C-alpha atoms as a PDB file:
ATOM      1  CA  UNK A   1      -1.137 -36.956  25.275  1.00  0.00           C
ATOM      2  CA  UNK A   2      -4.927 -37.071  25.103  1.00  0.00           C
ATOM      3  CA  UNK A   3      -5.087 -33.537  26.491  1.00  0.00           C
ATOM      4  CA  UNK A   4      -2.893 -32.276  23.658  1.00  0.00           C
ATOM      5  CA  UNK A   5      -5.093 -33.964  21.054  1.00  0.00           C
ATOM      6  CA  UNK A   6      -8.250 -32.567  22.644  1.00  0.00           C
ATOM      7  CA  UNK A   7      -6.685 -29.091  22.889  1.00  0.00           C
ATOM      8  CA  UNK A   8      -5.689 -29.207  19.215  1.00  0.00           C
ATOM      9  CA  UNK A   9      -9.181 -30.321  18.230  1.00  0.00           C
ATOM     10  CA  UNK A  10     -10.804 -27.521  20.241  1.00  0.00           C
ATOM     11  CA  UNK A  11      -8.415 -24.925  18.789  1.00  0.00           C
ATOM     12  CA  UNK A  12      -9.073 -26.187  15.260  1.00  0.00           C
ATOM     13  CA  UNK A  13     -12.826 -25.842  15.704  1.00  0.00           C
ATOM     14  CA  UNK A  14     -12.411 -22.390  17.258  1.00  0.00           C
ATOM     15  CA  UNK A  15     -10.131 -21.217  14.449  1.00  0.00           C
ATOM     16  CA  UNK A  16     -12.552 -22.452  11.812  1.00  0.00           C
ATOM     17  CA  UNK A  17     -15.429 -20.642  13.529  1.00  0.00           C
ATOM     18  CA  UNK A  18     -13.685 -17.266  13.356  1.00  0.00           C
ATOM     19  CA  UNK A  19     -14.383 -16.730   9.653  1.00  0.00           C
ATOM     20  CA  UNK A  20     -18.012 -17.734   9.011  1.00  0.00           C
ATOM     21  CA  UNK A  21     -18.808 -14.477   7.228  1.00  0.00           C
ATOM     22  CA  UNK A  22     -15.845 -14.923   4.875  1.00  0.00           C
ATOM     23  CA  UNK A  23     -16.535 -18.618   4.299  1.00  0.00           C
ATOM     24  CA  UNK A  24     -20.144 -17.840   3.335  1.00  0.00           C
ATOM     25  CA  UNK A  25     -19.328 -14.791   1.164  1.00  0.00           C
ATOM     26  CA  UNK A  26     -21.235 -14.535  -2.104  1.00  0.00           C
ATOM     27  CA  UNK A  27     -20.220 -12.717  -5.281  1.00  0.00           C
ATOM     28  CA  UNK A  28     -22.635  -9.784  -5.630  1.00  0.00           C
ATOM     29  CA  UNK A  29     -21.078  -8.074  -8.687  1.00  0.00           C
ATOM     30  CA  UNK A  30     -18.865  -9.479 -11.450  1.00  0.00           C
ATOM     31  CA  UNK A  31     -17.737  -8.066 -14.800  1.00  0.00           C
ATOM     32  CA  UNK A  32     -14.988  -9.511 -17.018  1.00  0.00           C
ATOM     33  CA  UNK A  33     -14.017  -8.223 -20.469  1.00  0.00           C
ATOM     34  CA  UNK A  34     -11.103  -9.277 -22.687  1.00  0.00           C
ATOM     35  CA  UNK A  35     -10.581  -8.151 -26.269  1.00  0.00           C
ATOM     36  CA  UNK A  36      -8.318 -11.101 -27.160  1.00  0.00           C
ATOM     37  CA  UNK A  37      -5.388  -8.809 -27.909  1.00  0.00           C
ATOM     38  CA  UNK A  38      -4.239  -8.476 -24.303  1.00  0.00           C
ATOM     39  CA  UNK A  39      -6.443  -5.577 -23.211  1.00  0.00           C
ATOM     40  CA  UNK A  40      -8.834  -6.457 -20.404  1.00  0.00           C
ATOM     41  CA  UNK A  41     -10.830  -5.209 -17.444  1.00  0.00           C
ATOM     42  CA  UNK A  42     -12.641  -6.888 -14.615  1.00  0.00           C
ATOM     43  CA  UNK A  43     -14.252  -6.145 -11.304  1.00  0.00           C
ATOM     44  CA  UNK A  44     -15.951  -8.062  -8.559  1.00  0.00           C
ATOM     45  CA  UNK A  45     -17.456  -7.497  -5.156  1.00  0.00           C
ATOM     46  CA  UNK A  46     -18.375  -9.998  -2.466  1.00  0.00           C
ATOM     47  CA  UNK A  47     -20.990  -9.866   0.254  1.00  0.00           C
ATOM     48  CA  UNK A  48     -18.328  -9.590   2.980  1.00  0.00           C
ATOM     49  CA  UNK A  49     -16.972  -6.279   1.665  1.00  0.00           C
ATOM     50  CA  UNK A  50     -14.135  -7.448  -0.585  1.00  0.00           C
ATOM     51  CA  UNK A  51     -13.857  -5.428  -3.810  1.00  0.00           C
ATOM     52  CA  UNK A  52     -11.370  -5.604  -6.649  1.00  0.00           C
ATOM     53  CA  UNK A  53     -11.107  -3.975 -10.048  1.00  0.00           C
ATOM     54  CA  UNK A  54      -8.339  -4.021 -12.625  1.00  0.00           C
ATOM     55  CA  UNK A  55      -7.664  -3.094 -16.223  1.00  0.00           C
ATOM     56  CA  UNK A  56      -4.774  -3.913 -18.505  1.00  0.00           C
ATOM     57  CA  UNK A  57      -3.750  -2.107 -21.674  1.00  0.00           C
ATOM     58  CA  UNK A  58      -1.174  -3.352 -24.181  1.00  0.00           C
ATOM     59  CA  UNK A  59       1.474  -0.815 -25.171  1.00  0.00           C
ATOM     60  CA  UNK A  60       3.767  -1.124 -28.223  1.00  0.00           C
ATOM     61  CA  UNK A  61       1.700  -4.046 -29.489  1.00  0.00           C
ATOM     62  CA  UNK A  62       3.601  -6.341 -31.860  1.00  0.00           C
ATOM     63  CA  UNK A  63       6.912  -4.666 -31.111  1.00  0.00           C
ATOM     64  CA  UNK A  64       9.914  -6.041 -29.275  1.00  0.00           C
ATOM     65  CA  UNK A  65       9.205  -3.799 -26.284  1.00  0.00           C
ATOM     66  CA  UNK A  66       5.495  -4.725 -25.990  1.00  0.00           C
ATOM     67  CA  UNK A  67       4.135  -4.691 -22.443  1.00  0.00           C
ATOM     68  CA  UNK A  68       0.863  -4.557 -20.549  1.00  0.00           C
ATOM     69  CA  UNK A  69       0.227  -1.718 -18.134  1.00  0.00           C
ATOM     70  CA  UNK A  70      -2.076  -2.790 -15.334  1.00  0.00           C
ATOM     71  CA  UNK A  71      -3.967  -0.467 -13.012  1.00  0.00           C
ATOM     72  CA  UNK A  72      -6.285  -1.562 -10.288  1.00  0.00           C
ATOM     73  CA  UNK A  73      -7.462  -1.434  -6.741  1.00  0.00           C
ATOM     74  CA  UNK A  74      -8.818  -3.656  -4.036  1.00  0.00           C
ATOM     75  CA  UNK A  75     -10.414  -3.130  -0.665  1.00  0.00           C
ATOM     76  CA  UNK A  76     -11.304  -5.341   2.243  1.00  0.00           C
ATOM     77  CA  UNK A  77     -12.263  -5.254   5.906  1.00  0.00           C
ATOM     78  CA  UNK A  78      -9.224  -6.051   8.086  1.00  0.00           C
ATOM     79  CA  UNK A  79      -9.251  -8.124  11.275  1.00  0.00           C
ATOM     80  CA  UNK A  80      -9.905  -4.974  13.333  1.00  0.00           C
ATOM     81  CA  UNK A  81     -12.996  -4.141  11.278  1.00  0.00           C
ATOM     82  CA  UNK A  82     -11.366  -1.290   9.339  1.00  0.00           C
ATOM     83  CA  UNK A  83     -11.781  -0.733   5.623  1.00  0.00           C
ATOM     84  CA  UNK A  84      -8.441  -1.038   3.769  1.00  0.00           C
ATOM     85  CA  UNK A  85      -8.086   0.437   0.254  1.00  0.00           C
ATOM     86  CA  UNK A  86      -5.105  -0.289  -2.009  1.00  0.00           C
ATOM     87  CA  UNK A  87      -4.469   1.294  -5.420  1.00  0.00           C
ATOM     88  CA  UNK A  88      -1.690  -0.077  -7.624  1.00  0.00           C
ATOM     89  CA  UNK A  89      -0.098   0.072 -11.052  1.00  0.00           C
ATOM     90  CA  UNK A  90       2.212  -2.410 -12.768  1.00  0.00           C
ATOM     91  CA  UNK A  91       4.099  -1.762 -15.984  1.00  0.00           C
ATOM     92  CA  UNK A  92       7.452  -2.411 -17.637  1.00  0.00           C
ATOM     93  CA  UNK A  93       9.137  -0.637 -14.716  1.00  0.00           C
ATOM     94  CA  UNK A  94       7.609  -2.924 -12.069  1.00  0.00           C
ATOM     95  CA  UNK A  95       4.885  -2.831  -9.442  1.00  0.00           C
ATOM     96  CA  UNK A  96       3.947   0.530  -7.929  1.00  0.00           C
ATOM     97  CA  UNK A  97       1.780   0.877  -4.859  1.00  0.00           C
ATOM     98  CA  UNK A  98       0.094   4.225  -5.420  1.00  0.00           C
ATOM     99  CA  UNK A  99      -2.007   4.413  -2.276  1.00  0.00           C
ATOM    100  CA  UNK A 100      -2.799   2.328   0.753  1.00  0.00           C
ATOM    101  CA  UNK A 101      -5.052   3.613   3.467  1.00  0.00           C
ATOM    102  CA  UNK A 102      -6.989   2.198   6.337  1.00  0.00           C
ATOM    103  CA  UNK A 103     -10.327   3.816   6.847  1.00  0.00           C
ATOM    104  CA  UNK A 104     -13.392   3.747   8.995  1.00  0.00           C
ATOM    105  CA  UNK A 105     -14.369   0.627  10.910  1.00  0.00           C
ATOM    106  CA  UNK A 106     -17.062  -1.656   9.514  1.00  0.00           C
ATOM    107  CA  UNK A 107     -19.284  -1.013  12.537  1.00  0.00           C
ATOM    108  CA  UNK A 108     -19.233   2.733  11.827  1.00  0.00           C
ATOM    109  CA  UNK A 109     -20.067   2.067   8.168  1.00  0.00           C
ATOM    110  CA  UNK A 110     -22.983  -0.174   9.189  1.00  0.00           C
ATOM    111  CA  UNK A 111     -24.355   2.465  11.580  1.00  0.00           C
ATOM    112  CA  UNK A 112     -24.056   5.155   8.902  1.00  0.00           C
ATOM    113  CA  UNK A 113     -25.671   3.051   6.176  1.00  0.00           C
ATOM    114  CA  UNK A 114     -28.570   2.044   8.443  1.00  0.00           C
ATOM    115  CA  UNK A 115     -29.185   5.658   9.420  1.00  0.00           C
ATOM    116  CA  UNK A 116     -29.457   6.862   5.820  1.00  0.00           C
END
């Protein structure tokens, strides 16, 4: 029984140690605008490579069929070190994934950015 408890403790510490970069991420860019009528836009970026931006526009304001159309994107570094970009739109017809791609690994990006 003690071995199981020790094994769980060791695994917990190891699992927590996997994400130090994410746990220490800082917000390096942040913008948030809202006109009070439902239209908005925001963006943010963190020091660990996470980026998100979105804007919403009200259509048919004040009418029975009023809705907000949302367009945005986000990107992050996946567990294999690759950059993932997602572009989406949401409107009265639902959520639409417009593009999802996995790009160059973070190590390649770091080498390129250091060389230039």
